Amino acid sequence: MNNASDTPDSTPATGGADTPPDRLAIDPKSPFCDMDLLRRGVGIRFKGTVRNNVEEYCISEGWVRVQAGKAVDRKGNPLTIKLNGPVEAWYEDLGESAPVAKA
């Protein structure tokens, strides 16, 4: 699937088997969506607070995208806003001692 000609911006890349990728989205239309990783359960800590409403995140750029209330666009997709700050991610299926991916 991933070969040397793929760029990091076009496909999700994993940092290792036990740490989540640098960027991940829940929207199936996004090139950064990976349903296998999402099924494992990814925990997100943003600015020191565990968040469960994150639509997309990028650890290296330091942002998360969350839903903006109940607003939707004309196609029924939720409107999102980008929040900047420190982001940490881990796999929830590994328990309390899971390795954390952070910048």
PDB file of N, CA and C in Angstrom:
ATOM      1  N   MET A   1       0.801  -1.191   0.000  1.00  0.00           N
ATOM      2  CA  MET A   1       0.000   0.000   0.000  1.00  0.00           C
ATOM      3  C   MET A   1       0.846   1.256   0.000  1.00  0.00           C
ATOM      4  N   ASN A   2       1.651   1.446   1.062  1.00  0.00           N
ATOM      5  CA  ASN A   2       2.536   2.602   1.099  1.00  0.00           C
ATOM      6  C   ASN A   2       3.849   2.236   0.435  1.00  0.00           C
ATOM      7  N   ASN A   3       4.271   3.063  -0.494  1.00  0.00           N
ATOM      8  CA  ASN A   3       5.571   2.840  -1.110  1.00  0.00           C
ATOM      9  C   ASN A   3       6.390   4.108  -1.018  1.00  0.00           C
ATOM     10  N   ALA A   4       7.599   4.078  -1.505  1.00  0.00           N
ATOM     11  CA  ALA A   4       8.519   5.198  -1.355  1.00  0.00           C
ATOM     12  C   ALA A   4       8.034   6.453  -2.075  1.00  0.00           C
ATOM     13  N   SER A   5       7.184   6.317  -3.104  1.00  0.00           N
ATOM     14  CA  SER A   5       6.741   7.482  -3.849  1.00  0.00           C
ATOM     15  C   SER A   5       5.581   8.201  -3.174  1.00  0.00           C
ATOM     16  N   ASP A   6       4.954   7.582  -2.147  1.00  0.00           N
ATOM     17  CA  ASP A   6       3.862   8.234  -1.438  1.00  0.00           C
ATOM     18  C   ASP A   6       4.419   9.379  -0.595  1.00  0.00           C
ATOM     19  N   THR A   7       3.700  10.487  -0.569  1.00  0.00           N
ATOM     20  CA  THR A   7       4.101  11.603   0.270  1.00  0.00           C
ATOM     21  C   THR A   7       3.383  11.502   1.596  1.00  0.00           C
ATOM     22  N   PRO A   8       3.941  12.052   2.668  1.00  0.00           N
ATOM     23  CA  PRO A   8       3.287  11.975   3.969  1.00  0.00           C
ATOM     24  C   PRO A   8       1.932  12.672   3.992  1.00  0.00           C
ATOM     25  N   ASP A   9       1.726  13.676   3.117  1.00  0.00           N
ATOM     26  CA  ASP A   9       0.470  14.398   3.114  1.00  0.00           C
ATOM     27  C   ASP A   9      -0.644  13.634   2.415  1.00  0.00           C
ATOM     28  N   SER A  10      -0.329  12.619   1.619  1.00  0.00           N
ATOM     29  CA  SER A  10      -1.368  11.944   0.849  1.00  0.00           C
ATOM     30  C   SER A  10      -1.895  10.689   1.526  1.00  0.00           C
ATOM     31  N   THR A  11      -1.146  10.096   2.434  1.00  0.00           N
ATOM     32  CA  THR A  11      -1.607   8.890   3.108  1.00  0.00           C
ATOM     33  C   THR A  11      -1.297   8.970   4.584  1.00  0.00           C
ATOM     34  N   PRO A  12      -2.134   8.353   5.408  1.00  0.00           N
ATOM     35  CA  PRO A  12      -1.808   8.343   6.821  1.00  0.00           C
ATOM     36  C   PRO A  12      -0.607   7.465   7.094  1.00  0.00           C
ATOM     37  N   ALA A  13       0.273   7.923   7.941  1.00  0.00           N
ATOM     38  CA  ALA A  13       1.470   7.150   8.269  1.00  0.00           C
ATOM     39  C   ALA A  13       1.461   6.825   9.747  1.00  0.00           C
ATOM     40  N   THR A  14       1.846   5.642  10.086  1.00  0.00           N
ATOM     41  CA  THR A  14       1.889   5.262  11.486  1.00  0.00           C
ATOM     42  C   THR A  14       3.301   5.428  12.006  1.00  0.00           C
ATOM     43  N   GLY A  15       3.424   5.917  13.229  1.00  0.00           N
ATOM     44  CA  GLY A  15       4.729   6.097  13.836  1.00  0.00           C
ATOM     45  C   GLY A  15       5.266   4.800  14.410  1.00  0.00           C
ATOM     46  N   GLY A  16       4.440   3.818  14.556  1.00  0.00           N
ATOM     47  CA  GLY A  16       4.806   2.531  15.110  1.00  0.00           C
ATOM     48  C   GLY A  16       3.542   1.744  15.379  1.00  0.00           C
ATOM     49  N   ALA A  17       3.698   0.503  15.774  1.00  0.00           N
ATOM     50  CA  ALA A  17       2.534  -0.344  15.998  1.00  0.00           C
ATOM     51  C   ALA A  17       1.743   0.094  17.227  1.00  0.00           C
ATOM     52  N   ASP A  18       2.404   0.734  18.195  1.00  0.00           N
ATOM     53  CA  ASP A  18       1.729   1.087  19.436  1.00  0.00           C
ATOM     54  C   ASP A  18       1.385   2.557  19.563  1.00  0.00           C
ATOM     55  N   THR A  19       1.768   3.397  18.601  1.00  0.00           N
ATOM     56  CA  THR A  19       1.412   4.807  18.655  1.00  0.00           C
ATOM     57  C   THR A  19       0.552   5.173  17.454  1.00  0.00           C
ATOM     58  N   PRO A  20      -0.454   6.025  17.649  1.00  0.00           N
ATOM     59  CA  PRO A  20      -1.330   6.431  16.550  1.00  0.00           C
ATOM     60  C   PRO A  20      -0.575   7.267  15.520  1.00  0.00           C
ATOM     61  N   PRO A  21      -1.144   7.419  14.331  1.00  0.00           N
ATOM     62  CA  PRO A  21      -0.488   8.220  13.292  1.00  0.00           C
ATOM     63  C   PRO A  21      -0.474   9.703  13.659  1.00  0.00           C
ATOM     64  N   ASP A  22       0.354  10.469  12.966  1.00  0.00           N
ATOM     65  CA  ASP A  22       0.472  11.900  13.199  1.00  0.00           C
ATOM     66  C   ASP A  22      -0.840  12.612  12.898  1.00  0.00           C
ATOM     67  N   ARG A  23      -1.570  12.140  11.903  1.00  0.00           N
ATOM     68  CA  ARG A  23      -2.821  12.782  11.512  1.00  0.00           C
ATOM     69  C   ARG A  23      -3.865  11.708  11.248  1.00  0.00           C
ATOM     70  N   LEU A  24      -5.082  11.926  11.751  1.00  0.00           N
ATOM     71  CA  LEU A  24      -6.152  10.966  11.590  1.00  0.00           C
ATOM     72  C   LEU A  24      -7.479  11.696  11.567  1.00  0.00           C
ATOM     73  N   ALA A  25      -8.407  11.234  10.714  1.00  0.00           N
ATOM     74  CA  ALA A  25      -9.737  11.837  10.590  1.00  0.00           C
ATOM     75  C   ALA A  25     -10.796  10.750  10.655  1.00  0.00           C
ATOM     76  N   ILE A  26     -11.998  11.111  11.117  1.00  0.00           N
ATOM     77  CA  ILE A  26     -13.081  10.138  11.172  1.00  0.00           C
ATOM     78  C   ILE A  26     -13.954  10.186   9.924  1.00  0.00           C
ATOM     79  N   ASP A  27     -13.808  11.212   9.087  1.00  0.00           N
ATOM     80  CA  ASP A  27     -14.598  11.336   7.862  1.00  0.00           C
ATOM     81  C   ASP A  27     -14.091  10.337   6.826  1.00  0.00           C
ATOM     82  N   PRO A  28     -14.939   9.401   6.368  1.00  0.00           N
ATOM     83  CA  PRO A  28     -14.490   8.397   5.390  1.00  0.00           C
ATOM     84  C   PRO A  28     -14.026   8.993   4.056  1.00  0.00           C
ATOM     85  N   LYS A  29     -14.421  10.216   3.745  1.00  0.00           N
ATOM     86  CA  LYS A  29     -14.007  10.864   2.494  1.00  0.00           C
ATOM     87  C   LYS A  29     -12.600  11.448   2.577  1.00  0.00           C
ATOM     88  N   SER A  30     -12.067  11.567   3.784  1.00  0.00           N
ATOM     89  CA  SER A  30     -10.754  12.163   3.982  1.00  0.00           C
ATOM     90  C   SER A  30      -9.653  11.174   3.620  1.00  0.00           C
ATOM     91  N   PRO A  31      -8.556  11.653   3.033  1.00  0.00           N
ATOM     92  CA  PRO A  31      -7.419  10.757   2.766  1.00  0.00           C
ATOM     93  C   PRO A  31      -6.716  10.324   4.048  1.00  0.00           C
ATOM     94  N   PHE A  32      -7.024  10.953   5.177  1.00  0.00           N
ATOM     95  CA  PHE A  32      -6.390  10.624   6.452  1.00  0.00           C
ATOM     96  C   PHE A  32      -7.256   9.715   7.311  1.00  0.00           C
ATOM     97  N   CYS A  33      -8.322   9.175   6.751  1.00  0.00           N
ATOM     98  CA  CYS A  33      -9.200   8.263   7.480  1.00  0.00           C
ATOM     99  C   CYS A  33      -8.672   6.837   7.344  1.00  0.00           C
ATOM    100  N   ASP A  34      -8.563   6.131   8.468  1.00  0.00           N
ATOM    101  CA  ASP A  34      -8.162   4.724   8.487  1.00  0.00           C
ATOM    102  C   ASP A  34      -9.081   4.011   9.470  1.00  0.00           C
ATOM    103  N   MET A  35     -10.085   3.320   8.942  1.00  0.00           N
ATOM    104  CA  MET A  35     -11.106   2.707   9.779  1.00  0.00           C
ATOM    105  C   MET A  35     -10.531   1.641  10.720  1.00  0.00           C
ATOM    106  N   ASP A  36      -9.497   0.927  10.298  1.00  0.00           N
ATOM    107  CA  ASP A  36      -8.899  -0.089  11.173  1.00  0.00           C
ATOM    108  C   ASP A  36      -8.320   0.549  12.433  1.00  0.00           C
ATOM    109  N   LEU A  37      -7.666   1.700  12.275  1.00  0.00           N
ATOM    110  CA  LEU A  37      -7.107   2.393  13.432  1.00  0.00           C
ATOM    111  C   LEU A  37      -8.214   2.977  14.307  1.00  0.00           C
ATOM    112  N   LEU A  38      -9.263   3.478  13.686  1.00  0.00           N
ATOM    113  CA  LEU A  38     -10.369   4.054  14.451  1.00  0.00           C
ATOM    114  C   LEU A  38     -11.107   2.991  15.254  1.00  0.00           C
ATOM    115  N   ARG A  39     -11.189   1.775  14.725  1.00  0.00           N
ATOM    116  CA  ARG A  39     -11.847   0.687  15.453  1.00  0.00           C
ATOM    117  C   ARG A  39     -11.089   0.328  16.733  1.00  0.00           C
ATOM    118  N   ARG A  40      -9.777   0.531  16.734  1.00  0.00           N
ATOM    119  CA  ARG A  40      -8.978   0.270  17.941  1.00  0.00           C
ATOM    120  C   ARG A  40      -9.330   1.245  19.052  1.00  0.00           C
ATOM    121  N   GLY A  41      -9.751   2.428  18.687  1.00  0.00           N
ATOM    122  CA  GLY A  41     -10.054   3.474  19.655  1.00  0.00           C
ATOM    123  C   GLY A  41      -8.846   4.344  19.896  1.00  0.00           C
ATOM    124  N   VAL A  42      -8.936   5.600  19.517  1.00  0.00           N
ATOM    125  CA  VAL A  42      -7.832   6.538  19.688  1.00  0.00           C
ATOM    126  C   VAL A  42      -8.262   7.592  20.698  1.00  0.00           C
ATOM    127  N   GLY A  43      -7.498   7.726  21.773  1.00  0.00           N
ATOM    128  CA  GLY A  43      -7.758   8.760  22.765  1.00  0.00           C
ATOM    129  C   GLY A  43      -6.994  10.017  22.407  1.00  0.00           C
ATOM    130  N   ILE A  44      -7.615  11.180  22.627  1.00  0.00           N
ATOM    131  CA  ILE A  44      -7.005  12.469  22.298  1.00  0.00           C
ATOM    132  C   ILE A  44      -7.000  13.350  23.543  1.00  0.00           C
ATOM    133  N   ARG A  45      -5.838  13.909  23.835  1.00  0.00           N
ATOM    134  CA  ARG A  45      -5.724  14.913  24.890  1.00  0.00           C
ATOM    135  C   ARG A  45      -5.311  16.204  24.210  1.00  0.00           C
ATOM    136  N   PHE A  46      -6.142  17.253  24.365  1.00  0.00           N
ATOM    137  CA  PHE A  46      -5.884  18.552  23.752  1.00  0.00           C
ATOM    138  C   PHE A  46      -5.792  19.593  24.859  1.00  0.00           C
ATOM    139  N   LYS A  47      -4.659  20.264  24.948  1.00  0.00           N
ATOM    140  CA  LYS A  47      -4.388  21.261  25.989  1.00  0.00           C
ATOM    141  C   LYS A  47      -4.610  20.683  27.375  1.00  0.00           C
ATOM    142  N   GLY A  48      -4.200  19.426  27.571  1.00  0.00           N
ATOM    143  CA  GLY A  48      -4.280  18.803  28.878  1.00  0.00           C
ATOM    144  C   GLY A  48      -5.635  18.212  29.228  1.00  0.00           C
ATOM    145  N   THR A  49      -6.626  18.314  28.340  1.00  0.00           N
ATOM    146  CA  THR A  49      -7.960  17.793  28.600  1.00  0.00           C
ATOM    147  C   THR A  49      -8.276  16.681  27.611  1.00  0.00           C
ATOM    148  N   VAL A  50      -8.764  15.557  28.109  1.00  0.00           N
ATOM    149  CA  VAL A  50      -9.154  14.451  27.235  1.00  0.00           C
ATOM    150  C   VAL A  50     -10.433  14.847  26.515  1.00  0.00           C
ATOM    151  N   ARG A  51     -10.399  14.762  25.182  1.00  0.00           N
ATOM    152  CA  ARG A  51     -11.550  15.154  24.356  1.00  0.00           C
ATOM    153  C   ARG A  51     -12.115  13.924  23.660  1.00  0.00           C
ATOM    154  N   ASN A  52     -13.426  13.852  23.543  1.00  0.00           N
ATOM    155  CA  ASN A  52     -14.062  12.753  22.825  1.00  0.00           C
ATOM    156  C   ASN A  52     -14.901  13.234  21.654  1.00  0.00           C
ATOM    157  N   ASN A  53     -14.766  14.513  21.278  1.00  0.00           N
ATOM    158  CA  ASN A  53     -15.534  15.069  20.178  1.00  0.00           C
ATOM    159  C   ASN A  53     -14.652  15.541  19.019  1.00  0.00           C
ATOM    160  N   VAL A  54     -13.483  14.953  18.873  1.00  0.00           N
ATOM    161  CA  VAL A  54     -12.530  15.372  17.843  1.00  0.00           C
ATOM    162  C   VAL A  54     -12.858  14.688  16.517  1.00  0.00           C
ATOM    163  N   GLU A  55     -13.017  15.471  15.469  1.00  0.00           N
ATOM    164  CA  GLU A  55     -13.286  14.959  14.130  1.00  0.00           C
ATOM    165  C   GLU A  55     -11.986  14.604  13.400  1.00  0.00           C
ATOM    166  N   GLU A  56     -10.940  15.389  13.638  1.00  0.00           N
ATOM    167  CA  GLU A  56      -9.639  15.190  12.981  1.00  0.00           C
ATOM    168  C   GLU A  56      -8.576  15.831  13.862  1.00  0.00           C
ATOM    169  N   TYR A  57      -7.348  15.291  13.802  1.00  0.00           N
ATOM    170  CA  TYR A  57      -6.257  15.887  14.564  1.00  0.00           C
ATOM    171  C   TYR A  57      -4.964  15.784  13.779  1.00  0.00           C
ATOM    172  N   CYS A  58      -4.004  16.649  14.119  1.00  0.00           N
ATOM    173  CA  CYS A  58      -2.649  16.588  13.580  1.00  0.00           C
ATOM    174  C   CYS A  58      -1.697  16.933  14.728  1.00  0.00           C
ATOM    175  N   ILE A  59      -0.893  15.966  15.113  1.00  0.00           N
ATOM    176  CA  ILE A  59       0.009  16.151  16.249  1.00  0.00           C
ATOM    177  C   ILE A  59       1.148  17.104  15.895  1.00  0.00           C
ATOM    178  N   SER A  60       1.778  16.915  14.732  1.00  0.00           N
ATOM    179  CA  SER A  60       2.956  17.717  14.382  1.00  0.00           C
ATOM    180  C   SER A  60       2.612  19.189  14.162  1.00  0.00           C
ATOM    181  N   GLU A  61       1.412  19.473  13.647  1.00  0.00           N
ATOM    182  CA  GLU A  61       1.010  20.861  13.419  1.00  0.00           C
ATOM    183  C   GLU A  61       0.302  21.454  14.639  1.00  0.00           C
ATOM    184  N   GLY A  62      -0.089  20.619  15.599  1.00  0.00           N
ATOM    185  CA  GLY A  62      -0.685  21.090  16.839  1.00  0.00           C
ATOM    186  C   GLY A  62      -2.095  21.634  16.706  1.00  0.00           C
ATOM    187  N   TRP A  63      -2.999  20.849  16.123  1.00  0.00           N
ATOM    188  CA  TRP A  63      -4.392  21.282  16.025  1.00  0.00           C
ATOM    189  C   TRP A  63      -5.348  20.099  16.055  1.00  0.00           C
ATOM    190  N   VAL A  64      -6.591  20.402  16.428  1.00  0.00           N
ATOM    191  CA  VAL A  64      -7.693  19.448  16.356  1.00  0.00           C
ATOM    192  C   VAL A  64      -8.842  20.149  15.654  1.00  0.00           C
ATOM    193  N   ARG A  65      -9.695  19.373  15.031  1.00  0.00           N
ATOM    194  CA  ARG A  65     -10.892  19.897  14.378  1.00  0.00           C
ATOM    195  C   ARG A  65     -12.090  19.283  15.098  1.00  0.00           C
ATOM    196  N   VAL A  66     -12.963  20.143  15.635  1.00  0.00           N
ATOM    197  CA  VAL A  66     -14.133  19.695  16.380  1.00  0.00           C
ATOM    198  C   VAL A  66     -15.393  20.268  15.743  1.00  0.00           C
ATOM    199  N   GLN A  67     -16.510  19.623  16.030  1.00  0.00           N
ATOM    200  CA  GLN A  67     -17.785  20.048  15.481  1.00  0.00           C
ATOM    201  C   GLN A  67     -18.205  21.368  16.120  1.00  0.00           C
ATOM    202  N   ALA A  68     -18.742  22.269  15.295  1.00  0.00           N
ATOM    203  CA  ALA A  68     -19.182  23.586  15.759  1.00  0.00           C
ATOM    204  C   ALA A  68     -20.667  23.533  16.101  1.00  0.00           C
ATOM    205  N   GLY A  69     -20.971  23.052  17.272  1.00  0.00           N
ATOM    206  CA  GLY A  69     -22.369  22.955  17.692  1.00  0.00           C
ATOM    207  C   GLY A  69     -23.133  21.950  16.865  1.00  0.00           C
ATOM    208  N   LYS A  70     -24.386  22.266  16.569  1.00  0.00           N
ATOM    209  CA  LYS A  70     -25.235  21.370  15.782  1.00  0.00           C
ATOM    210  C   LYS A  70     -25.347  21.825  14.334  1.00  0.00           C
ATOM    211  N   ALA A  71     -24.553  22.822  13.948  1.00  0.00           N
ATOM    212  CA  ALA A  71     -24.616  23.370  12.597  1.00  0.00           C
ATOM    213  C   ALA A  71     -24.126  22.355  11.570  1.00  0.00           C
ATOM    214  N   VAL A  72     -24.818  22.301  10.431  1.00  0.00           N
ATOM    215  CA  VAL A  72     -24.433  21.425   9.327  1.00  0.00           C
ATOM    216  C   VAL A  72     -24.408  22.222   8.036  1.00  0.00           C
ATOM    217  N   ASP A  73     -23.637  21.749   7.060  1.00  0.00           N
ATOM    218  CA  ASP A  73     -23.624  22.411   5.764  1.00  0.00           C
ATOM    219  C   ASP A  73     -24.815  21.927   4.935  1.00  0.00           C
ATOM    220  N   ARG A  74     -24.923  22.379   3.706  1.00  0.00           N
ATOM    221  CA  ARG A  74     -26.097  22.042   2.892  1.00  0.00           C
ATOM    222  C   ARG A  74     -26.137  20.573   2.485  1.00  0.00           C
ATOM    223  N   LYS A  75     -25.041  19.851   2.660  1.00  0.00           N
ATOM    224  CA  LYS A  75     -25.021  18.413   2.360  1.00  0.00           C
ATOM    225  C   LYS A  75     -25.231  17.572   3.613  1.00  0.00           C
ATOM    226  N   GLY A  76     -25.437  18.214   4.752  1.00  0.00           N
ATOM    227  CA  GLY A  76     -25.689  17.500   5.995  1.00  0.00           C
ATOM    228  C   GLY A  76     -24.447  17.148   6.790  1.00  0.00           C
ATOM    229  N   ASN A  77     -23.271  17.588   6.347  1.00  0.00           N
ATOM    230  CA  ASN A  77     -22.026  17.333   7.076  1.00  0.00           C
ATOM    231  C   ASN A  77     -21.864  18.363   8.187  1.00  0.00           C
ATOM    232  N   PRO A  78     -21.330  17.961   9.339  1.00  0.00           N
ATOM    233  CA  PRO A  78     -21.167  18.931  10.429  1.00  0.00           C
ATOM    234  C   PRO A  78     -20.129  19.992  10.094  1.00  0.00           C
ATOM    235  N   LEU A  79     -20.413  21.227  10.501  1.00  0.00           N
ATOM    236  CA  LEU A  79     -19.425  22.291  10.362  1.00  0.00           C
ATOM    237  C   LEU A  79     -18.414  22.126  11.478  1.00  0.00           C
ATOM    238  N   THR A  80     -17.155  22.331  11.165  1.00  0.00           N
ATOM    239  CA  THR A  80     -16.096  22.138  12.151  1.00  0.00           C
ATOM    240  C   THR A  80     -15.258  23.395  12.290  1.00  0.00           C
ATOM    241  N   ILE A  81     -14.592  23.500  13.433  1.00  0.00           N
ATOM    242  CA  ILE A  81     -13.637  24.581  13.656  1.00  0.00           C
ATOM    243  C   ILE A  81     -12.305  23.959  14.060  1.00  0.00           C
ATOM    244  N   LYS A  82     -11.237  24.644  13.708  1.00  0.00           N
ATOM    245  CA  LYS A  82      -9.892  24.169  14.029  1.00  0.00           C
ATOM    246  C   LYS A  82      -9.395  24.908  15.255  1.00  0.00           C
ATOM    247  N   LEU A  83      -8.953  24.137  16.252  1.00  0.00           N
ATOM    248  CA  LEU A  83      -8.403  24.697  17.481  1.00  0.00           C
ATOM    249  C   LEU A  83      -6.924  24.362  17.547  1.00  0.00           C
ATOM    250  N   ASN A  84      -6.097  25.345  17.870  1.00  0.00           N
ATOM    251  CA  ASN A  84      -4.653  25.156  17.934  1.00  0.00           C
ATOM    252  C   ASN A  84      -4.186  24.961  19.372  1.00  0.00           C
ATOM    253  N   GLY A  85      -3.228  24.047  19.536  1.00  0.00           N
ATOM    254  CA  GLY A  85      -2.651  23.786  20.847  1.00  0.00           C
ATOM    255  C   GLY A  85      -1.968  22.428  20.852  1.00  0.00           C
ATOM    256  N   PRO A  86      -1.361  22.050  21.979  1.00  0.00           N
ATOM    257  CA  PRO A  86      -0.668  20.765  22.062  1.00  0.00           C
ATOM    258  C   PRO A  86      -1.653  19.593  22.006  1.00  0.00           C
ATOM    259  N   VAL A  87      -1.312  18.587  21.186  1.00  0.00           N
ATOM    260  CA  VAL A  87      -2.168  17.420  20.968  1.00  0.00           C
ATOM    261  C   VAL A  87      -1.380  16.161  21.326  1.00  0.00           C
ATOM    262  N   GLU A  88      -2.022  15.249  22.045  1.00  0.00           N
ATOM    263  CA  GLU A  88      -1.447  13.943  22.364  1.00  0.00           C
ATOM    264  C   GLU A  88      -2.463  12.883  21.973  1.00  0.00           C
ATOM    265  N   ALA A  89      -1.986  11.745  21.456  1.00  0.00           N
ATOM    266  CA  ALA A  89      -2.881  10.663  21.036  1.00  0.00           C
ATOM    267  C   ALA A  89      -2.332   9.321  21.504  1.00  0.00           C
ATOM    268  N   TRP A  90      -3.234   8.387  21.795  1.00  0.00           N
ATOM    269  CA  TRP A  90      -2.851   7.037  22.203  1.00  0.00           C
ATOM    270  C   TRP A  90      -3.974   6.087  21.817  1.00  0.00           C
ATOM    271  N   TYR A  91      -3.636   4.797  21.767  1.00  0.00           N
ATOM    272  CA  TYR A  91      -4.636   3.771  21.501  1.00  0.00           C
ATOM    273  C   TYR A  91      -5.289   3.377  22.815  1.00  0.00           C
ATOM    274  N   GLU A  92      -6.599   3.460  22.883  1.00  0.00           N
ATOM    275  CA  GLU A  92      -7.318   3.149  24.117  1.00  0.00           C
ATOM    276  C   GLU A  92      -7.329   1.659  24.427  1.00  0.00           C
ATOM    277  N   ASP A  93      -7.156   0.811  23.413  1.00  0.00           N
ATOM    278  CA  ASP A  93      -7.195  -0.637  23.661  1.00  0.00           C
ATOM    279  C   ASP A  93      -5.932  -1.144  24.373  1.00  0.00           C
ATOM    280  N   LEU A  94      -4.900  -0.306  24.512  1.00  0.00           N
ATOM    281  CA  LEU A  94      -3.671  -0.721  25.191  1.00  0.00           C
ATOM    282  C   LEU A  94      -3.707  -0.449  26.691  1.00  0.00           C
ATOM    283  N   GLY A  95      -4.755   0.189  27.172  1.00  0.00           N
ATOM    284  CA  GLY A  95      -4.916   0.421  28.604  1.00  0.00           C
ATOM    285  C   GLY A  95      -4.195   1.649  29.112  1.00  0.00           C
ATOM    286  N   GLU A  96      -3.966   1.665  30.411  1.00  0.00           N
ATOM    287  CA  GLU A  96      -3.396   2.826  31.090  1.00  0.00           C
ATOM    288  C   GLU A  96      -1.944   3.106  30.712  1.00  0.00           C
ATOM    289  N   SER A  97      -1.184   2.075  30.387  1.00  0.00           N
ATOM    290  CA  SER A  97       0.241   2.261  30.108  1.00  0.00           C
ATOM    291  C   SER A  97       0.541   2.377  28.610  1.00  0.00           C
ATOM    292  N   ALA A  98      -0.426   2.852  27.838  1.00  0.00           N
ATOM    293  CA  ALA A  98      -0.249   2.973  26.378  1.00  0.00           C
ATOM    294  C   ALA A  98       0.769   4.077  26.063  1.00  0.00           C
ATOM    295  N   PRO A  99       1.638   3.851  25.064  1.00  0.00           N
ATOM    296  CA  PRO A  99       2.557   4.911  24.659  1.00  0.00           C
ATOM    297  C   PRO A  99       1.787   6.058  24.005  1.00  0.00           C
ATOM    298  N   VAL A 100       2.196   7.288  24.296  1.00  0.00           N
ATOM    299  CA  VAL A 100       1.497   8.470  23.821  1.00  0.00           C
ATOM    300  C   VAL A 100       2.311   9.113  22.707  1.00  0.00           C
ATOM    301  N   ALA A 101       1.624   9.444  21.589  1.00  0.00           N
ATOM    302  CA  ALA A 101       2.256  10.172  20.497  1.00  0.00           C
ATOM    303  C   ALA A 101       2.025  11.649  20.721  1.00  0.00           C
ATOM    304  N   LYS A 102       3.122  12.426  20.797  1.00  0.00           N
ATOM    305  CA  LYS A 102       3.005  13.866  20.982  1.00  0.00           C
ATOM    306  C   LYS A 102       4.186  14.543  20.324  1.00  0.00           C
ATOM    307  N   ALA A 103       4.012  15.838  20.046  1.00  0.00           N
ATOM    308  CA  ALA A 103       5.056  16.599  19.351  1.00  0.00           C
ATOM    309  C   ALA A 103       6.129  17.045  20.298  1.00  0.00           C
TER     310      ALA A 103
END
